[in-house]
N, C-alpha and C. Protein backbone atom coordinates (compact mmCIF):
# COMPACT_ATOMS: atom_id res chain seq x y z
N UNK A 1 120.34 147.60 112.98
CA UNK A 1 119.30 147.36 113.95
C UNK A 1 119.08 145.86 114.06
N UNK A 2 118.89 145.38 115.23
CA UNK A 2 118.65 143.95 115.42
C UNK A 2 117.22 143.73 115.88
N UNK A 3 116.82 142.50 115.76
CA UNK A 3 115.48 142.12 116.18
C UNK A 3 115.57 140.84 116.97
N UNK A 4 114.64 140.64 117.84
CA UNK A 4 114.63 139.43 118.64
C UNK A 4 114.21 138.27 117.77
N UNK A 5 114.97 137.17 117.77
CA UNK A 5 114.59 136.01 116.98
C UNK A 5 113.20 135.52 117.38
N UNK A 6 112.50 135.06 116.38
CA UNK A 6 111.16 134.56 116.63
C UNK A 6 111.09 133.10 116.27
N UNK A 7 110.07 132.47 116.74
CA UNK A 7 109.82 131.10 116.35
C UNK A 7 108.56 131.09 115.53
N UNK A 8 108.43 130.12 114.64
CA UNK A 8 107.24 130.07 113.82
C UNK A 8 105.99 129.91 114.68
N UNK A 9 104.92 130.52 114.22
CA UNK A 9 103.66 130.39 114.93
C UNK A 9 103.10 129.00 114.70
N UNK A 10 102.01 128.70 115.37
CA UNK A 10 101.38 127.39 115.22
C UNK A 10 101.03 127.13 113.76
N UNK A 11 100.77 128.20 113.00
CA UNK A 11 100.40 128.01 111.61
C UNK A 11 101.57 127.58 110.74
N UNK A 12 102.81 127.68 111.25
CA UNK A 12 103.96 127.34 110.43
C UNK A 12 104.79 126.21 111.01
N UNK A 13 104.35 125.62 112.08
CA UNK A 13 105.13 124.54 112.65
C UNK A 13 104.93 123.29 111.81
N UNK A 14 105.95 122.42 111.80
CA UNK A 14 105.84 121.21 111.01
C UNK A 14 104.55 120.45 111.32
N UNK A 15 103.90 120.03 110.27
CA UNK A 15 102.68 119.26 110.42
C UNK A 15 101.43 120.12 110.51
N UNK A 16 101.59 121.42 110.67
CA UNK A 16 100.43 122.30 110.74
C UNK A 16 99.81 122.40 109.37
N UNK A 17 98.50 122.53 109.33
CA UNK A 17 97.81 122.56 108.04
C UNK A 17 97.49 123.98 107.59
N UNK A 18 97.77 124.97 108.42
CA UNK A 18 97.45 126.34 108.09
C UNK A 18 98.58 126.97 107.29
N UNK A 19 98.21 127.73 106.28
CA UNK A 19 99.18 128.41 105.45
C UNK A 19 99.78 129.59 106.22
N UNK A 20 101.10 129.79 106.13
CA UNK A 20 101.72 130.90 106.87
C UNK A 20 101.25 132.26 106.36
N UNK A 21 101.21 133.19 107.26
CA UNK A 21 100.83 134.57 106.92
C UNK A 21 102.07 135.34 106.49
N UNK A 22 101.85 136.54 105.95
CA UNK A 22 102.98 137.40 105.63
C UNK A 22 103.81 137.66 106.88
N UNK A 23 103.13 137.86 108.01
CA UNK A 23 103.85 138.13 109.26
C UNK A 23 104.76 136.96 109.63
N UNK A 24 104.28 135.73 109.44
CA UNK A 24 105.09 134.55 109.73
C UNK A 24 106.34 134.51 108.84
N UNK A 25 106.14 134.77 107.56
CA UNK A 25 107.24 134.70 106.61
C UNK A 25 108.22 135.85 106.83
N UNK A 26 107.71 137.04 107.09
CA UNK A 26 108.59 138.17 107.38
C UNK A 26 109.40 137.92 108.65
N UNK A 27 108.79 137.36 109.67
CA UNK A 27 109.51 137.06 110.91
C UNK A 27 110.63 136.05 110.65
N UNK A 28 110.34 135.03 109.84
CA UNK A 28 111.36 134.03 109.52
C UNK A 28 112.48 134.65 108.70
N UNK A 29 112.14 135.55 107.76
CA UNK A 29 113.16 136.22 106.96
C UNK A 29 114.02 137.13 107.83
N UNK A 30 113.40 137.85 108.74
CA UNK A 30 114.17 138.71 109.66
C UNK A 30 115.17 137.87 110.45
N UNK A 31 114.70 136.76 110.98
CA UNK A 31 115.58 135.88 111.76
C UNK A 31 116.70 135.32 110.89
N UNK A 32 116.36 134.92 109.67
CA UNK A 32 117.38 134.38 108.76
C UNK A 32 118.43 135.43 108.44
N UNK A 33 117.99 136.65 108.15
CA UNK A 33 118.95 137.71 107.84
C UNK A 33 119.83 138.03 109.03
N UNK A 34 119.26 138.04 110.22
CA UNK A 34 120.04 138.31 111.43
C UNK A 34 121.11 137.23 111.63
N UNK A 35 120.80 136.02 111.20
CA UNK A 35 121.75 134.92 111.35
C UNK A 35 122.82 134.88 110.27
N UNK A 36 122.47 135.23 109.02
CA UNK A 36 123.41 135.01 107.92
C UNK A 36 124.21 136.24 107.51
N UNK A 37 123.72 137.43 107.82
CA UNK A 37 124.45 138.62 107.41
C UNK A 37 125.59 138.93 108.36
N UNK A 38 126.68 139.41 107.81
CA UNK A 38 127.80 139.86 108.62
C UNK A 38 127.35 141.09 109.41
N UNK A 39 127.89 141.30 110.61
CA UNK A 39 127.48 142.45 111.43
C UNK A 39 127.55 143.79 110.69
N UNK A 40 128.58 143.98 109.87
CA UNK A 40 128.71 145.25 109.14
C UNK A 40 127.56 145.43 108.14
N UNK A 41 127.15 144.35 107.50
CA UNK A 41 126.02 144.42 106.57
C UNK A 41 124.70 144.57 107.31
N UNK A 42 124.57 143.84 108.40
CA UNK A 42 123.34 143.88 109.20
C UNK A 42 123.09 145.28 109.76
N UNK A 43 124.16 146.01 110.02
CA UNK A 43 124.04 147.37 110.55
C UNK A 43 123.33 148.30 109.58
N UNK A 44 123.32 147.94 108.29
CA UNK A 44 122.69 148.77 107.26
C UNK A 44 121.26 148.33 106.93
N UNK A 45 120.74 147.36 107.67
CA UNK A 45 119.41 146.84 107.40
C UNK A 45 118.49 147.10 108.58
N UNK A 46 117.37 147.72 108.33
CA UNK A 46 116.34 147.89 109.37
C UNK A 46 115.39 146.71 109.24
N UNK A 47 115.66 145.67 110.00
CA UNK A 47 114.86 144.44 109.90
C UNK A 47 113.39 144.70 110.18
N UNK A 48 113.11 145.63 111.08
CA UNK A 48 111.71 145.92 111.41
C UNK A 48 110.97 146.60 110.26
N UNK A 49 111.71 147.19 109.32
CA UNK A 49 111.08 147.87 108.19
C UNK A 49 110.82 146.94 107.00
N UNK A 50 111.28 145.68 107.07
CA UNK A 50 111.03 144.75 105.98
C UNK A 50 109.53 144.58 105.77
N UNK A 51 109.13 144.58 104.52
CA UNK A 51 107.72 144.39 104.17
C UNK A 51 107.64 143.66 102.85
N UNK A 52 106.42 143.37 102.41
CA UNK A 52 106.21 142.70 101.12
C UNK A 52 106.83 143.48 99.98
N UNK A 53 106.89 144.80 100.12
CA UNK A 53 107.38 145.63 99.02
C UNK A 53 108.88 145.89 99.05
N UNK A 54 109.57 145.37 100.06
CA UNK A 54 111.02 145.55 100.14
C UNK A 54 111.68 144.81 98.97
N UNK A 55 112.46 145.54 98.20
CA UNK A 55 113.20 144.93 97.09
C UNK A 55 114.33 144.08 97.65
N UNK A 56 114.43 142.85 97.20
CA UNK A 56 115.50 141.99 97.69
C UNK A 56 116.88 142.55 97.31
N UNK A 57 116.96 143.23 96.18
CA UNK A 57 118.24 143.82 95.78
C UNK A 57 118.65 144.99 96.67
N UNK A 58 117.73 145.48 97.49
CA UNK A 58 118.08 146.55 98.42
C UNK A 58 118.77 145.99 99.67
N UNK A 59 118.73 144.68 99.83
CA UNK A 59 119.37 144.03 100.98
C UNK A 59 120.79 143.63 100.61
N UNK A 60 121.70 143.67 101.57
CA UNK A 60 123.11 143.34 101.27
C UNK A 60 123.32 141.83 101.19
N UNK A 61 122.70 141.22 100.18
CA UNK A 61 122.80 139.77 100.01
C UNK A 61 123.64 139.45 98.78
N UNK A 62 124.67 138.63 98.97
CA UNK A 62 125.36 138.08 97.83
C UNK A 62 124.78 136.69 97.59
N UNK A 63 125.27 135.99 96.62
CA UNK A 63 124.68 134.69 96.29
C UNK A 63 124.75 133.70 97.45
N UNK A 64 125.83 133.74 98.19
CA UNK A 64 125.99 132.80 99.31
C UNK A 64 125.02 133.12 100.44
N UNK A 65 124.91 134.38 100.80
CA UNK A 65 124.00 134.72 101.90
C UNK A 65 122.54 134.57 101.47
N UNK A 66 122.24 134.80 100.18
CA UNK A 66 120.88 134.58 99.71
C UNK A 66 120.51 133.11 99.84
N UNK A 67 121.39 132.23 99.40
CA UNK A 67 121.12 130.79 99.51
C UNK A 67 121.00 130.39 100.98
N UNK A 68 121.85 130.93 101.83
CA UNK A 68 121.77 130.61 103.26
C UNK A 68 120.45 131.07 103.86
N UNK A 69 120.00 132.27 103.48
CA UNK A 69 118.72 132.77 103.99
C UNK A 69 117.56 131.92 103.47
N UNK A 70 117.63 131.54 102.19
CA UNK A 70 116.56 130.70 101.63
C UNK A 70 116.53 129.32 102.30
N UNK A 71 117.70 128.81 102.64
CA UNK A 71 117.77 127.53 103.34
C UNK A 71 117.08 127.63 104.70
N UNK A 72 117.28 128.73 105.39
CA UNK A 72 116.60 128.96 106.68
C UNK A 72 115.08 128.98 106.48
N UNK A 73 114.63 129.67 105.43
CA UNK A 73 113.20 129.74 105.14
C UNK A 73 112.67 128.34 104.81
N UNK A 74 113.42 127.60 104.01
CA UNK A 74 113.02 126.22 103.68
C UNK A 74 112.86 125.38 104.94
N UNK A 75 113.82 125.47 105.83
CA UNK A 75 113.77 124.68 107.05
C UNK A 75 112.63 125.10 107.97
N UNK A 76 112.35 126.38 108.02
CA UNK A 76 111.28 126.87 108.87
C UNK A 76 109.92 126.39 108.39
N UNK A 77 109.70 126.47 107.07
CA UNK A 77 108.38 126.16 106.53
C UNK A 77 108.29 124.80 105.85
N UNK A 78 109.42 124.07 105.87
CA UNK A 78 109.48 122.72 105.31
C UNK A 78 109.04 122.70 103.85
N UNK A 79 109.61 123.62 103.08
CA UNK A 79 109.37 123.69 101.65
C UNK A 79 110.71 123.74 100.94
N UNK A 80 110.71 123.43 99.66
CA UNK A 80 111.92 123.50 98.85
C UNK A 80 111.83 124.73 97.96
N UNK A 81 112.89 125.54 97.95
CA UNK A 81 112.98 126.72 97.09
C UNK A 81 114.15 126.48 96.13
N UNK A 82 113.85 126.15 94.88
CA UNK A 82 114.94 125.95 93.92
C UNK A 82 115.78 127.22 93.78
N UNK A 83 117.08 127.05 93.58
CA UNK A 83 117.96 128.22 93.45
C UNK A 83 117.50 129.16 92.35
N UNK A 84 117.02 128.60 91.25
CA UNK A 84 116.54 129.43 90.14
C UNK A 84 115.42 130.35 90.62
N UNK A 85 114.52 129.81 91.44
CA UNK A 85 113.43 130.61 92.00
C UNK A 85 113.97 131.65 92.97
N UNK A 86 114.86 131.23 93.85
CA UNK A 86 115.41 132.14 94.86
C UNK A 86 116.04 133.37 94.22
N UNK A 87 116.73 133.16 93.11
CA UNK A 87 117.39 134.28 92.43
C UNK A 87 116.44 135.09 91.56
N UNK A 88 115.21 134.60 91.38
CA UNK A 88 114.26 135.34 90.54
C UNK A 88 113.31 136.21 91.36
N UNK A 89 113.27 136.03 92.67
CA UNK A 89 112.40 136.87 93.50
C UNK A 89 112.87 138.32 93.42
N UNK A 90 111.93 139.21 93.18
CA UNK A 90 112.25 140.63 93.10
C UNK A 90 112.02 141.32 94.44
N UNK A 91 110.92 141.00 95.07
CA UNK A 91 110.53 141.61 96.34
C UNK A 91 110.29 140.54 97.39
N UNK A 92 110.28 140.95 98.63
CA UNK A 92 109.99 140.03 99.73
C UNK A 92 108.62 139.38 99.52
N UNK A 93 107.69 140.13 98.97
CA UNK A 93 106.35 139.58 98.70
C UNK A 93 106.37 138.41 97.74
N UNK A 94 107.31 138.42 96.78
CA UNK A 94 107.44 137.29 95.85
C UNK A 94 107.83 136.03 96.61
N UNK A 95 108.76 136.18 97.53
CA UNK A 95 109.18 135.06 98.38
C UNK A 95 108.01 134.58 99.23
N UNK A 96 107.29 135.50 99.83
CA UNK A 96 106.15 135.14 100.69
C UNK A 96 105.09 134.39 99.89
N UNK A 97 104.79 134.88 98.70
CA UNK A 97 103.79 134.21 97.87
C UNK A 97 104.24 132.80 97.50
N UNK A 98 105.51 132.65 97.15
CA UNK A 98 106.04 131.34 96.78
C UNK A 98 105.95 130.36 97.94
N UNK A 99 106.38 130.80 99.11
CA UNK A 99 106.33 129.93 100.30
C UNK A 99 104.89 129.53 100.60
N UNK A 100 104.00 130.50 100.56
CA UNK A 100 102.59 130.23 100.85
C UNK A 100 102.01 129.23 99.85
N UNK A 101 102.32 129.39 98.57
CA UNK A 101 101.85 128.46 97.54
C UNK A 101 102.39 127.06 97.78
N UNK A 102 103.67 126.96 98.14
CA UNK A 102 104.27 125.64 98.38
C UNK A 102 103.66 124.96 99.61
N UNK A 103 103.45 125.72 100.67
CA UNK A 103 102.85 125.16 101.88
C UNK A 103 101.43 124.69 101.58
N UNK A 104 100.67 125.49 100.84
CA UNK A 104 99.30 125.12 100.49
C UNK A 104 99.27 123.88 99.61
N UNK A 105 100.20 123.79 98.67
CA UNK A 105 100.28 122.61 97.79
C UNK A 105 100.59 121.35 98.59
N UNK A 106 101.51 121.47 99.55
CA UNK A 106 101.83 120.33 100.42
C UNK A 106 100.62 119.90 101.22
N UNK A 107 99.89 120.87 101.75
CA UNK A 107 98.70 120.57 102.55
C UNK A 107 97.65 119.88 101.69
N UNK A 108 97.52 120.31 100.44
CA UNK A 108 96.54 119.71 99.53
C UNK A 108 96.91 118.27 99.21
N UNK A 109 98.21 118.00 99.16
CA UNK A 109 98.66 116.62 98.92
C UNK A 109 98.62 115.79 100.19
N UNK A 110 98.51 116.47 101.33
CA UNK A 110 98.46 115.76 102.60
C UNK A 110 99.78 115.17 103.01
N UNK A 111 100.87 115.89 102.74
CA UNK A 111 102.20 115.38 103.06
C UNK A 111 103.00 116.43 103.81
N UNK A 112 103.99 115.97 104.55
CA UNK A 112 104.93 116.85 105.25
C UNK A 112 106.27 116.91 104.55
N UNK A 113 106.39 116.33 103.38
CA UNK A 113 107.69 116.30 102.69
C UNK A 113 107.83 117.44 101.75
């Protein structure tokens, strides 16, 4: 199943001070998966069914596609996700919480880096 690519909301655009919502992060993950997964793998993923409780191991991600998807998330939200962290996320919600914490920390420091 495919989904229409989305763009980050005003809360996630560079320079925005608002922390992204789960919906923002899920939309970015859906778009990243649509971009990085091979068509045969993507055919086995219901992108619309992704939620905070989706186990990352249930997705057809190998180490290369996981890093590629995390890179897309990093670029969307302008945060850094260390590889060690990326491989330790168990559920989509873990990723969402991490991104939200990093965005909030950046906002508290008053920086876009």
